[in-house]
PDB file of N, CA and C in Angstrom:
ATOM      1  N   UNK A   1      14.463  -8.004  -9.964  1.00  0.00           N
ATOM      2  CA  UNK A   1      15.654  -7.550  -9.291  1.00  0.00           C
ATOM      3  C   UNK A   1      15.947  -8.530  -8.155  1.00  0.00           C
ATOM      4  N   UNK A   2      17.245  -8.814  -7.960  1.00  0.00           N
ATOM      5  CA  UNK A   2      17.658  -9.797  -6.973  1.00  0.00           C
ATOM      6  C   UNK A   2      18.795  -9.230  -6.121  1.00  0.00           C
ATOM      7  N   UNK A   3      18.821  -9.590  -4.835  1.00  0.00           N
ATOM      8  CA  UNK A   3      19.870  -9.121  -3.934  1.00  0.00           C
ATOM      9  C   UNK A   3      21.111  -9.995  -4.033  1.00  0.00           C
ATOM     10  N   UNK A   4      22.246  -9.379  -3.718  1.00  0.00           N
ATOM     11  CA  UNK A   4      23.511 -10.111  -3.663  1.00  0.00           C
ATOM     12  C   UNK A   4      24.290  -9.624  -2.446  1.00  0.00           C
ATOM     13  N   UNK A   5      24.750 -10.576  -1.639  1.00  0.00           N
ATOM     14  CA  UNK A   5      25.606 -10.255  -0.504  1.00  0.00           C
ATOM     15  C   UNK A   5      26.955  -9.783  -1.027  1.00  0.00           C
ATOM     16  N   UNK A   6      27.424  -8.644  -0.536  1.00  0.00           N
ATOM     17  CA  UNK A   6      28.700  -8.099  -1.008  1.00  0.00           C
ATOM     18  C   UNK A   6      29.843  -8.322  -0.019  1.00  0.00           C
ATOM     19  N   UNK A   7      29.589  -8.039   1.278  1.00  0.00           N
ATOM     20  CA  UNK A   7      30.687  -8.157   2.241  1.00  0.00           C
ATOM     21  C   UNK A   7      30.144  -8.168   3.663  1.00  0.00           C
ATOM     22  N   UNK A   8      31.012  -8.567   4.583  1.00  0.00           N
ATOM     23  CA  UNK A   8      30.698  -8.579   6.008  1.00  0.00           C
ATOM     24  C   UNK A   8      31.617  -7.596   6.720  1.00  0.00           C
ATOM     25  N   UNK A   9      31.120  -7.021   7.810  1.00  0.00           N
ATOM     26  CA  UNK A   9      31.928  -6.111   8.623  1.00  0.00           C
ATOM     27  C   UNK A   9      31.432  -6.160  10.062  1.00  0.00           C
ATOM     28  N   UNK A  10      32.350  -6.007  10.992  1.00  0.00           N
ATOM     29  CA  UNK A  10      31.960  -5.890  12.386  1.00  0.00           C
ATOM     30  C   UNK A  10      32.877  -4.897  13.087  1.00  0.00           C
ATOM     31  N   UNK A  11      32.284  -3.978  13.839  1.00  0.00           N
ATOM     32  CA  UNK A  11      33.068  -3.068  14.673  1.00  0.00           C
ATOM     33  C   UNK A  11      33.474  -3.774  15.966  1.00  0.00           C
ATOM     34  N   UNK A  12      32.831  -4.898  16.271  1.00  0.00           N
ATOM     35  CA  UNK A  12      33.104  -5.628  17.510  1.00  0.00           C
ATOM     36  C   UNK A  12      34.274  -6.606  17.396  1.00  0.00           C
ATOM     37  N   UNK A  13      34.411  -7.236  16.239  1.00  0.00           N
ATOM     38  CA  UNK A  13      35.464  -8.247  16.054  1.00  0.00           C
ATOM     39  C   UNK A  13      36.091  -8.071  14.672  1.00  0.00           C
ATOM     40  N   UNK A  14      37.318  -8.550  14.535  1.00  0.00           N
ATOM     41  CA  UNK A  14      37.978  -8.556  13.236  1.00  0.00           C
ATOM     42  C   UNK A  14      37.583  -9.862  12.540  1.00  0.00           C
ATOM     43  N   UNK A  15      36.669  -9.766  11.589  1.00  0.00           N
ATOM     44  CA  UNK A  15      36.091 -10.948  10.950  1.00  0.00           C
ATOM     45  C   UNK A  15      37.155 -11.952  10.472  1.00  0.00           C
ATOM     46  N   UNK A  16      38.184 -11.543   9.725  1.00  0.00           N
ATOM     47  CA  UNK A  16      39.137 -12.536   9.204  1.00  0.00           C
ATOM     48  C   UNK A  16      39.901 -13.309  10.288  1.00  0.00           C
ATOM     49  N   UNK A  17      40.177 -12.657  11.426  1.00  0.00           N
ATOM     50  CA  UNK A  17      41.003 -13.326  12.434  1.00  0.00           C
ATOM     51  C   UNK A  17      40.239 -13.749  13.689  1.00  0.00           C
ATOM     52  N   UNK A  18      38.973 -13.398  13.791  1.00  0.00           N
ATOM     53  CA  UNK A  18      38.209 -13.674  15.013  1.00  0.00           C
ATOM     54  C   UNK A  18      38.029 -15.164  15.247  1.00  0.00           C
ATOM     55  N   UNK A  19      38.389 -15.584  16.435  1.00  0.00           N
ATOM     56  CA  UNK A  19      38.151 -16.947  16.908  1.00  0.00           C
ATOM     57  C   UNK A  19      37.686 -16.815  18.356  1.00  0.00           C
ATOM     58  N   UNK A  20      36.400 -17.038  18.610  1.00  0.00           N
ATOM     59  CA  UNK A  20      35.918 -16.879  19.986  1.00  0.00           C
ATOM     60  C   UNK A  20      36.619 -17.872  20.914  1.00  0.00           C
ATOM     61  N   UNK A  21      36.815 -17.442  22.146  1.00  0.00           N
ATOM     62  CA  UNK A  21      37.441 -18.313  23.145  1.00  0.00           C
ATOM     63  C   UNK A  21      36.676 -19.626  23.250  1.00  0.00           C
ATOM     64  N   UNK A  22      35.358 -19.529  23.228  1.00  0.00           N
ATOM     65  CA  UNK A  22      34.499 -20.710  23.226  1.00  0.00           C
ATOM     66  C   UNK A  22      33.582 -20.597  22.007  1.00  0.00           C
ATOM     67  N   UNK A  23      33.802 -21.421  20.971  1.00  0.00           N
ATOM     68  CA  UNK A  23      32.993 -21.295  19.746  1.00  0.00           C
ATOM     69  C   UNK A  23      31.518 -21.625  19.940  1.00  0.00           C
ATOM     70  N   UNK A  24      31.157 -22.140  21.125  1.00  0.00           N
ATOM     71  CA  UNK A  24      29.756 -22.452  21.407  1.00  0.00           C
ATOM     72  C   UNK A  24      29.119 -21.447  22.362  1.00  0.00           C
ATOM     73  N   UNK A  25      29.876 -20.359  22.679  1.00  0.00           N
ATOM     74  CA  UNK A  25      29.351 -19.321  23.565  1.00  0.00           C
ATOM     75  C   UNK A  25      29.964 -17.979  23.153  1.00  0.00           C
ATOM     76  N   UNK A  26      29.255 -17.256  22.310  1.00  0.00           N
ATOM     77  CA  UNK A  26      29.745 -15.959  21.835  1.00  0.00           C
ATOM     78  C   UNK A  26      28.583 -15.169  21.253  1.00  0.00           C
ATOM     79  N   UNK A  27      28.822 -13.887  21.077  1.00  0.00           N
ATOM     80  CA  UNK A  27      27.870 -13.012  20.411  1.00  0.00           C
ATOM     81  C   UNK A  27      28.574 -11.744  19.977  1.00  0.00           C
ATOM     82  N   UNK A  28      28.235 -11.249  18.810  1.00  0.00           N
ATOM     83  CA  UNK A  28      28.784  -9.986  18.325  1.00  0.00           C
ATOM     84  C   UNK A  28      27.856  -9.411  17.264  1.00  0.00           C
ATOM     85  N   UNK A  29      27.976  -8.092  17.089  1.00  0.00           N
ATOM     86  CA  UNK A  29      27.159  -7.411  16.088  1.00  0.00           C
ATOM     87  C   UNK A  29      27.858  -7.493  14.737  1.00  0.00           C
ATOM     88  N   UNK A  30      27.111  -7.887  13.724  1.00  0.00           N
ATOM     89  CA  UNK A  30      27.639  -8.043  12.375  1.00  0.00           C
ATOM     90  C   UNK A  30      26.834  -7.170  11.423  1.00  0.00           C
ATOM     91  N   UNK A  31      27.534  -6.430  10.596  1.00  0.00           N
ATOM     92  CA  UNK A  31      26.893  -5.731   9.490  1.00  0.00           C
ATOM     93  C   UNK A  31      27.211  -6.512   8.226  1.00  0.00           C
ATOM     94  N   UNK A  32      26.193  -6.711   7.430  1.00  0.00           N
ATOM     95  CA  UNK A  32      26.449  -7.275   6.106  1.00  0.00           C
ATOM     96  C   UNK A  32      25.871  -6.314   5.084  1.00  0.00           C
ATOM     97  N   UNK A  33      26.551  -6.251   3.966  1.00  0.00           N
ATOM     98  CA  UNK A  33      26.196  -5.290   2.929  1.00  0.00           C
ATOM     99  C   UNK A  33      25.693  -6.044   1.708  1.00  0.00           C
ATOM    100  N   UNK A  34      24.544  -5.617   1.217  1.00  0.00           N
ATOM    101  CA  UNK A  34      23.933  -6.256   0.054  1.00  0.00           C
ATOM    102  C   UNK A  34      23.463  -5.176  -0.905  1.00  0.00           C
ATOM    103  N   UNK A  35      23.487  -5.522  -2.182  1.00  0.00           N
ATOM    104  CA  UNK A  35      23.000  -4.636  -3.229  1.00  0.00           C
ATOM    105  C   UNK A  35      22.325  -5.459  -4.293  1.00  0.00           C
ATOM    106  N   UNK A  36      21.978  -4.816  -5.378  1.00  0.00           N
ATOM    107  CA  UNK A  36      21.355  -5.567  -6.465  1.00  0.00           C
ATOM    108  C   UNK A  36      22.410  -6.428  -7.146  1.00  0.00           C
ATOM    109  N   UNK A  37      21.951  -7.522  -7.701  1.00  0.00           N
ATOM    110  CA  UNK A  37      22.847  -8.503  -8.325  1.00  0.00           C
ATOM    111  C   UNK A  37      23.787  -7.869  -9.352  1.00  0.00           C
ATOM    112  N   UNK A  38      23.274  -6.942 -10.147  1.00  0.00           N
ATOM    113  CA  UNK A  38      24.082  -6.336 -11.211  1.00  0.00           C
ATOM    114  C   UNK A  38      24.476  -4.889 -10.924  1.00  0.00           C
ATOM    115  N   UNK A  39      24.135  -4.390  -9.742  1.00  0.00           N
ATOM    116  CA  UNK A  39      24.438  -3.004  -9.406  1.00  0.00           C
ATOM    117  C   UNK A  39      25.782  -2.848  -8.714  1.00  0.00           C
ATOM    118  N   UNK A  40      26.133  -1.607  -8.425  1.00  0.00           N
ATOM    119  CA  UNK A  40      27.414  -1.322  -7.778  1.00  0.00           C
ATOM    120  C   UNK A  40      27.264  -0.945  -6.314  1.00  0.00           C
ATOM    121  N   UNK A  41      26.176  -0.314  -5.941  1.00  0.00           N
ATOM    122  CA  UNK A  41      25.994   0.147  -4.566  1.00  0.00           C
ATOM    123  C   UNK A  41      25.512  -0.965  -3.647  1.00  0.00           C
ATOM    124  N   UNK A  42      25.504  -0.659  -2.363  1.00  0.00           N
ATOM    125  CA  UNK A  42      24.968  -1.609  -1.389  1.00  0.00           C
ATOM    126  C   UNK A  42      24.463  -0.865  -0.168  1.00  0.00           C
ATOM    127  N   UNK A  43      23.643  -1.540   0.609  1.00  0.00           N
ATOM    128  CA  UNK A  43      23.104  -1.010   1.856  1.00  0.00           C
ATOM    129  C   UNK A  43      23.551  -1.910   2.994  1.00  0.00           C
ATOM    130  N   UNK A  44      23.591  -1.334   4.197  1.00  0.00           N
ATOM    131  CA  UNK A  44      24.000  -2.073   5.389  1.00  0.00           C
ATOM    132  C   UNK A  44      22.782  -2.682   6.086  1.00  0.00           C
ATOM    133  N   UNK A  45      22.993  -3.885   6.586  1.00  0.00           N
ATOM    134  CA  UNK A  45      21.996  -4.596   7.382  1.00  0.00           C
ATOM    135  C   UNK A  45      22.707  -5.094   8.635  1.00  0.00           C
ATOM    136  N   UNK A  46      22.092  -4.901   9.792  1.00  0.00           N
ATOM    137  CA  UNK A  46      22.735  -5.279  11.045  1.00  0.00           C
ATOM    138  C   UNK A  46      22.043  -6.423  11.734  1.00  0.00           C
ATOM    139  N   UNK A  47      22.858  -7.313  12.311  1.00  0.00           N
ATOM    140  CA  UNK A  47      22.323  -8.493  12.981  1.00  0.00           C
ATOM    141  C   UNK A  47      23.289  -8.917  14.079  1.00  0.00           C
ATOM    142  N   UNK A  48      22.773  -9.425  15.169  1.00  0.00           N
ATOM    143  CA  UNK A  48      23.617  -9.984  16.220  1.00  0.00           C
ATOM    144  C   UNK A  48      23.766 -11.473  15.958  1.00  0.00           C
ATOM    145  N   UNK A  49      25.005 -11.909  15.770  1.00  0.00           N
ATOM    146  CA  UNK A  49      25.303 -13.326  15.569  1.00  0.00           C
ATOM    147  C   UNK A  49      25.674 -13.895  16.935  1.00  0.00           C
ATOM    148  N   UNK A  50      24.999 -14.956  17.348  1.00  0.00           N
ATOM    149  CA  UNK A  50      25.252 -15.489  18.684  1.00  0.00           C
ATOM    150  C   UNK A  50      24.830 -16.952  18.789  1.00  0.00           C
ATOM    151  N   UNK A  51      25.277 -17.559  19.871  1.00  0.00           N
ATOM    152  CA  UNK A  51      24.832 -18.912  20.191  1.00  0.00           C
ATOM    153  C   UNK A  51      23.673 -18.805  21.190  1.00  0.00           C
ATOM    154  N   UNK A  52      22.906 -19.863  21.299  1.00  0.00           N
ATOM    155  CA  UNK A  52      21.764 -19.860  22.209  1.00  0.00           C
ATOM    156  C   UNK A  52      22.193 -19.674  23.668  1.00  0.00           C
ATOM    157  N   UNK A  53      23.260 -20.333  24.143  1.00  0.00           N
ATOM    158  CA  UNK A  53      23.676 -20.081  25.536  1.00  0.00           C
ATOM    159  C   UNK A  53      24.051 -18.613  25.789  1.00  0.00           C
ATOM    160  N   UNK A  54      24.693 -17.968  24.816  1.00  0.00           N
ATOM    161  CA  UNK A  54      25.031 -16.550  24.956  1.00  0.00           C
ATOM    162  C   UNK A  54      23.751 -15.725  25.023  1.00  0.00           C
ATOM    163  N   UNK A  55      22.795 -16.037  24.167  1.00  0.00           N
ATOM    164  CA  UNK A  55      21.535 -15.301  24.125  1.00  0.00           C
ATOM    165  C   UNK A  55      20.761 -15.461  25.433  1.00  0.00           C
ATOM    166  N   UNK A  56      20.831 -16.643  26.027  1.00  0.00           N
ATOM    167  CA  UNK A  56      20.143 -16.872  27.310  1.00  0.00           C
ATOM    168  C   UNK A  56      20.577 -15.853  28.360  1.00  0.00           C
ATOM    169  N   UNK A  57      21.850 -15.498  28.351  1.00  0.00           N
ATOM    170  CA  UNK A  57      22.388 -14.553  29.329  1.00  0.00           C
ATOM    171  C   UNK A  57      22.165 -13.104  28.897  1.00  0.00           C
ATOM    172  N   UNK A  58      22.222 -12.831  27.598  1.00  0.00           N
ATOM    173  CA  UNK A  58      22.154 -11.457  27.088  1.00  0.00           C
ATOM    174  C   UNK A  58      20.810 -11.077  26.485  1.00  0.00           C
ATOM    175  N   UNK A  59      19.802 -11.900  26.663  1.00  0.00           N
ATOM    176  CA  UNK A  59      18.497 -11.600  26.053  1.00  0.00           C
ATOM    177  C   UNK A  59      17.936 -10.291  26.598  1.00  0.00           C
ATOM    178  N   UNK A  60      17.234  -9.549  25.743  1.00  0.00           N
ATOM    179  CA  UNK A  60      16.729  -8.240  26.150  1.00  0.00           C
ATOM    180  C   UNK A  60      15.581  -8.297  27.164  1.00  0.00           C
ATOM    181  N   UNK A  61      14.867  -9.415  27.219  1.00  0.00           N
ATOM    182  CA  UNK A  61      13.723  -9.524  28.112  1.00  0.00           C
ATOM    183  C   UNK A  61      13.337 -10.995  28.217  1.00  0.00           C
ATOM    184  N   UNK A  62      12.353 -11.298  29.055  1.00  0.00           N
ATOM    185  CA  UNK A  62      11.900 -12.686  29.174  1.00  0.00           C
ATOM    186  C   UNK A  62      11.222 -13.157  27.894  1.00  0.00           C
ATOM    187  N   UNK A  63      10.525 -12.246  27.240  1.00  0.00           N
ATOM    188  CA  UNK A  63       9.845 -12.544  25.983  1.00  0.00           C
ATOM    189  C   UNK A  63      10.266 -11.482  24.974  1.00  0.00           C
ATOM    190  N   UNK A  64      10.700 -11.905  23.791  1.00  0.00           N
ATOM    191  CA  UNK A  64      11.126 -10.955  22.774  1.00  0.00           C
ATOM    192  C   UNK A  64      11.053 -11.613  21.407  1.00  0.00           C
ATOM    193  N   UNK A  65      11.001 -10.773  20.378  1.00  0.00           N
ATOM    194  CA  UNK A  65      11.048 -11.258  19.004  1.00  0.00           C
ATOM    195  C   UNK A  65      12.494 -11.569  18.649  1.00  0.00           C
ATOM    196  N   UNK A  66      12.708 -12.512  17.738  1.00  0.00           N
ATOM    197  CA  UNK A  66      14.059 -12.897  17.344  1.00  0.00           C
ATOM    198  C   UNK A  66      14.619 -12.092  16.192  1.00  0.00           C
ATOM    199  N   UNK A  67      13.913 -11.068  15.725  1.00  0.00           N
ATOM    200  CA  UNK A  67      14.414 -10.261  14.615  1.00  0.00           C
ATOM    201  C   UNK A  67      15.754  -9.637  14.997  1.00  0.00           C
ATOM    202  N   UNK A  68      16.639  -9.582  14.045  1.00  0.00           N
ATOM    203  CA  UNK A  68      17.970  -9.011  14.199  1.00  0.00           C
ATOM    204  C   UNK A  68      18.925  -9.907  14.988  1.00  0.00           C
ATOM    205  N   UNK A  69      18.579 -11.166  15.141  1.00  0.00           N
ATOM    206  CA  UNK A  69      19.461 -12.157  15.764  1.00  0.00           C
ATOM    207  C   UNK A  69      19.653 -13.312  14.790  1.00  0.00           C
ATOM    208  N   UNK A  70      20.880 -13.740  14.634  1.00  0.00           N
ATOM    209  CA  UNK A  70      21.198 -14.944  13.878  1.00  0.00           C
ATOM    210  C   UNK A  70      21.798 -15.914  14.882  1.00  0.00           C
ATOM    211  N   UNK A  71      21.050 -16.937  15.226  1.00  0.00           N
ATOM    212  CA  UNK A  71      21.450 -17.877  16.275  1.00  0.00           C
ATOM    213  C   UNK A  71      22.087 -19.096  15.621  1.00  0.00           C
ATOM    214  N   UNK A  72      23.311 -19.385  16.039  1.00  0.00           N
ATOM    215  CA  UNK A  72      24.088 -20.476  15.465  1.00  0.00           C
ATOM    216  C   UNK A  72      24.494 -21.450  16.568  1.00  0.00           C
ATOM    217  N   UNK A  73      24.817 -22.692  16.188  1.00  0.00           N
ATOM    218  CA  UNK A  73      25.288 -23.688  17.160  1.00  0.00           C
ATOM    219  C   UNK A  73      26.710 -23.412  17.612  1.00  0.00           C
ATOM    220  N   UNK A  74      27.526 -22.943  16.661  1.00  0.00           N
ATOM    221  CA  UNK A  74      28.940 -22.678  16.943  1.00  0.00           C
ATOM    222  C   UNK A  74      29.468 -21.694  15.908  1.00  0.00           C
ATOM    223  N   UNK A  75      30.621 -21.142  16.178  1.00  0.00           N
ATOM    224  CA  UNK A  75      31.186 -20.147  15.285  1.00  0.00           C
ATOM    225  C   UNK A  75      31.817 -20.799  14.064  1.00  0.00           C
ATOM    226  N   UNK A  76      31.323 -20.421  12.907  1.00  0.00           N
ATOM    227  CA  UNK A  76      31.900 -20.825  11.623  1.00  0.00           C
ATOM    228  C   UNK A  76      31.543 -19.722  10.631  1.00  0.00           C
ATOM    229  N   UNK A  77      32.470 -18.786  10.433  1.00  0.00           N
ATOM    230  CA  UNK A  77      32.171 -17.614   9.611  1.00  0.00           C
ATOM    231  C   UNK A  77      31.831 -18.000   8.176  1.00  0.00           C
ATOM    232  N   UNK A  78      32.428 -19.077   7.669  1.00  0.00           N
ATOM    233  CA  UNK A  78      32.096 -19.530   6.318  1.00  0.00           C
ATOM    234  C   UNK A  78      30.638 -19.929   6.197  1.00  0.00           C
ATOM    235  N   UNK A  79      30.135 -20.660   7.188  1.00  0.00           N
ATOM    236  CA  UNK A  79      28.725 -21.069   7.172  1.00  0.00           C
ATOM    237  C   UNK A  79      27.802 -19.870   7.369  1.00  0.00           C
ATOM    238  N   UNK A  80      28.210 -18.947   8.222  1.00  0.00           N
ATOM    239  CA  UNK A  80      27.403 -17.744   8.461  1.00  0.00           C
ATOM    240  C   UNK A  80      27.298 -16.927   7.177  1.00  0.00           C
ATOM    241  N   UNK A  81      28.424 -16.724   6.511  1.00  0.00           N
ATOM    242  CA  UNK A  81      28.423 -15.959   5.259  1.00  0.00           C
ATOM    243  C   UNK A  81      27.604 -16.661   4.182  1.00  0.00           C
ATOM    244  N   UNK A  82      27.741 -17.971   4.075  1.00  0.00           N
ATOM    245  CA  UNK A  82      26.965 -18.732   3.088  1.00  0.00           C
ATOM    246  C   UNK A  82      25.470 -18.641   3.386  1.00  0.00           C
ATOM    247  N   UNK A  83      25.098 -18.741   4.649  1.00  0.00           N
ATOM    248  CA  UNK A  83      23.698 -18.636   5.046  1.00  0.00           C
ATOM    249  C   UNK A  83      23.120 -17.282   4.631  1.00  0.00           C
ATOM    250  N   UNK A  84      23.855 -16.206   4.944  1.00  0.00           N
ATOM    251  CA  UNK A  84      23.378 -14.861   4.587  1.00  0.00           C
ATOM    252  C   UNK A  84      23.350 -14.663   3.079  1.00  0.00           C
ATOM    253  N   UNK A  85      24.339 -15.196   2.379  1.00  0.00           N
ATOM    254  CA  UNK A  85      24.375 -15.093   0.921  1.00  0.00           C
ATOM    255  C   UNK A  85      23.178 -15.810   0.299  1.00  0.00           C
ATOM    256  N   UNK A  86      22.894 -17.006   0.776  1.00  0.00           N
ATOM    257  CA  UNK A  86      21.748 -17.762   0.259  1.00  0.00           C
ATOM    258  C   UNK A  86      20.436 -17.044   0.550  1.00  0.00           C
ATOM    259  N   UNK A  87      20.329 -16.441   1.736  1.00  0.00           N
ATOM    260  CA  UNK A  87      19.117 -15.696   2.065  1.00  0.00           C
ATOM    261  C   UNK A  87      18.954 -14.514   1.112  1.00  0.00           C
ATOM    262  N   UNK A  88      20.042 -13.760   0.912  1.00  0.00           N
ATOM    263  CA  UNK A  88      19.982 -12.608  -0.004  1.00  0.00           C
ATOM    264  C   UNK A  88      19.594 -13.046  -1.412  1.00  0.00           C
ATOM    265  N   UNK A  89      20.128 -14.166  -1.866  1.00  0.00           N
ATOM    266  CA  UNK A  89      19.813 -14.677  -3.203  1.00  0.00           C
ATOM    267  C   UNK A  89      18.315 -14.914  -3.393  1.00  0.00           C
ATOM    268  N   UNK A  90      17.620 -15.225  -2.304  1.00  0.00           N
ATOM    269  CA  UNK A  90      16.180 -15.505  -2.390  1.00  0.00           C
ATOM    270  C   UNK A  90      15.323 -14.246  -2.296  1.00  0.00           C
ATOM    271  N   UNK A  91      15.949 -13.109  -2.030  1.00  0.00           N
ATOM    272  CA  UNK A  91      15.205 -11.850  -1.898  1.00  0.00           C
ATOM    273  C   UNK A  91      15.124 -11.163  -3.257  1.00  0.00           C
ATOM    274  N   UNK A  92      13.947 -11.198  -3.842  1.00  0.00           N
ATOM    275  CA  UNK A  92      13.723 -10.614  -5.162  1.00  0.00           C
ATOM    276  C   UNK A  92      12.520  -9.679  -5.109  1.00  0.00           C
ATOM    277  N   UNK A  93      12.469  -8.755  -6.053  1.00  0.00           N
ATOM    278  CA  UNK A  93      11.347  -7.830  -6.131  1.00  0.00           C
ATOM    279  C   UNK A  93      11.496  -6.916  -7.327  1.00  0.00           C
ATOM    280  N   UNK A  94      10.499  -6.063  -7.516  1.00  0.00           N
ATOM    281  CA  UNK A  94      10.505  -5.140  -8.650  1.00  0.00           C
ATOM    282  C   UNK A  94      11.374  -3.907  -8.399  1.00  0.00           C
ATOM    283  N   UNK A  95      11.583  -3.553  -7.124  1.00  0.00           N
ATOM    284  CA  UNK A  95      12.400  -2.386  -6.771  1.00  0.00           C
ATOM    285  C   UNK A  95      13.388  -2.776  -5.675  1.00  0.00           C
ATOM    286  N   UNK A  96      14.437  -1.941  -5.515  1.00  0.00           N
ATOM    287  CA  UNK A  96      15.399  -2.212  -4.445  1.00  0.00           C
ATOM    288  C   UNK A  96      14.732  -2.089  -3.075  1.00  0.00           C
ATOM    289  N   UNK A  97      13.821  -1.159  -2.898  1.00  0.00           N
ATOM    290  CA  UNK A  97      13.132  -1.009  -1.622  1.00  0.00           C
ATOM    291  C   UNK A  97      12.388  -2.301  -1.270  1.00  0.00           C
ATOM    292  N   UNK A  98      11.743  -2.894  -2.244  1.00  0.00           N
ATOM    293  CA  UNK A  98      11.033  -4.153  -2.019  1.00  0.00           C
ATOM    294  C   UNK A  98      12.014  -5.271  -1.646  1.00  0.00           C
ATOM    295  N   UNK A  99      13.116  -5.357  -2.359  1.00  0.00           N
ATOM    296  CA  UNK A  99      14.127  -6.389  -2.095  1.00  0.00           C
ATOM    297  C   UNK A  99      14.754  -6.174  -0.719  1.00  0.00           C
ATOM    298  N   UNK A 100      15.177  -4.936  -0.446  1.00  0.00           N
ATOM    299  CA  UNK A 100      15.822  -4.629   0.831  1.00  0.00           C
ATOM    300  C   UNK A 100      14.871  -4.842   2.004  1.00  0.00           C
ATOM    301  N   UNK A 101      13.601  -4.585   1.801  1.00  0.00           N
ATOM    302  CA  UNK A 101      12.608  -4.822   2.855  1.00  0.00           C
ATOM    303  C   UNK A 101      12.526  -6.302   3.196  1.00  0.00           C
ATOM    304  N   UNK A 102      12.716  -7.153   2.219  1.00  0.00           N
ATOM    305  CA  UNK A 102      12.708  -8.601   2.474  1.00  0.00           C
ATOM    306  C   UNK A 102      13.941  -9.008   3.273  1.00  0.00           C
ATOM    307  N   UNK A 103      15.096  -8.443   2.946  1.00  0.00           N
ATOM    308  CA  UNK A 103      16.292  -8.709   3.746  1.00  0.00           C
ATOM    309  C   UNK A 103      16.072  -8.175   5.158  1.00  0.00           C
ATOM    310  N   UNK A 104      15.393  -7.040   5.243  1.00  0.00           N
ATOM    311  CA  UNK A 104      15.098  -6.418   6.522  1.00  0.00           C
ATOM    312  C   UNK A 104      14.179  -7.225   7.422  1.00  0.00           C
ATOM    313  N   UNK A 105      13.636  -8.298   6.932  1.00  0.00           N
ATOM    314  CA  UNK A 105      12.821  -9.172   7.778  1.00  0.00           C
ATOM    315  C   UNK A 105      13.677  -9.908   8.809  1.00  0.00           C
ATOM    316  N   UNK A 106      14.970 -10.073   8.502  1.00  0.00           N
ATOM    317  CA  UNK A 106      15.850 -10.789   9.425  1.00  0.00           C
ATOM    318  C   UNK A 106      16.896  -9.894  10.077  1.00  0.00           C
ATOM    319  N   UNK A 107      17.179  -8.736   9.486  1.00  0.00           N
ATOM    320  CA  UNK A 107      18.227  -7.845   9.982  1.00  0.00           C
ATOM    321  C   UNK A 107      17.768  -6.405   9.839  1.00  0.00           C
ATOM    322  N   UNK A 108      18.349  -5.535  10.650  1.00  0.00           N
ATOM    323  CA  UNK A 108      17.943  -4.135  10.593  1.00  0.00           C
ATOM    324  C   UNK A 108      18.585  -3.433   9.400  1.00  0.00           C
ATOM    325  N   UNK A 109      17.754  -2.989   8.484  1.00  0.00           N
ATOM    326  CA  UNK A 109      18.195  -2.271   7.287  1.00  0.00           C
ATOM    327  C   UNK A 109      18.488  -0.839   7.682  1.00  0.00           C
ATOM    328  N   UNK A 110      19.591  -0.300   7.197  1.00  0.00           N
ATOM    329  CA  UNK A 110      19.974   1.067   7.562  1.00  0.00           C
ATOM    330  C   UNK A 110      18.892   2.096   7.215  1.00  0.00           C
ATOM    331  N   UNK A 111      18.025   1.818   6.251  1.00  0.00           N
ATOM    332  CA  UNK A 111      16.947   2.734   5.864  1.00  0.00           C
ATOM    333  C   UNK A 111      15.578   2.234   6.303  1.00  0.00           C
ATOM    334  N   UNK A 112      15.544   1.338   7.255  1.00  0.00           N
ATOM    335  CA  UNK A 112      14.303   0.683   7.671  1.00  0.00           C
ATOM    336  C   UNK A 112      13.189   1.668   8.033  1.00  0.00           C
ATOM    337  N   UNK A 113      13.478   2.681   8.796  1.00  0.00           N
ATOM    338  CA  UNK A 113      12.448   3.634   9.213  1.00  0.00           C
ATOM    339  C   UNK A 113      12.577   4.988   8.510  1.00  0.00           C
ATOM    340  N   UNK A 114      13.296   5.006   7.423  1.00  0.00           N
ATOM    341  CA  UNK A 114      13.514   6.269   6.702  1.00  0.00           C
ATOM    342  C   UNK A 114      12.223   6.760   6.060  1.00  0.00           C
ATOM    343  N   UNK A 115      11.954   8.049   6.242  1.00  0.00           N
ATOM    344  CA  UNK A 115      10.807   8.708   5.624  1.00  0.00           C
ATOM    345  C   UNK A 115      11.293  10.001   5.011  1.00  0.00           C
ATOM    346  N   UNK A 116      10.869  10.297   3.782  1.00  0.00           N
ATOM    347  CA  UNK A 116      11.259  11.572   3.154  1.00  0.00           C
ATOM    348  C   UNK A 116      10.468  12.722   3.721  1.00  0.00           C
TER     349      UNK A 116
END
């Protein structure tokens, strides 16, 4: 089973029209949706897309893990989408939980801490 990136969404910015005032200093929360290559459904994964100068000011602490951050040199939504698509393409496994857990290594999976 293999993952496929389906779409991008952000409650913070309008993805199709967003152009940061300074393409080298910005940050926003991005949800991307991925599902199985041949399936119809998808799950949400959340990540903060930002530049390093933005992160320097908005970092959560002096020392922190980089999980759930996608750090870019400048804003280019095409490159960001391609990067996430290529990452999803490399996430394979025997079950969707296994595949989604691999995507969850870089972004917060909506079911990350779910327990029945």
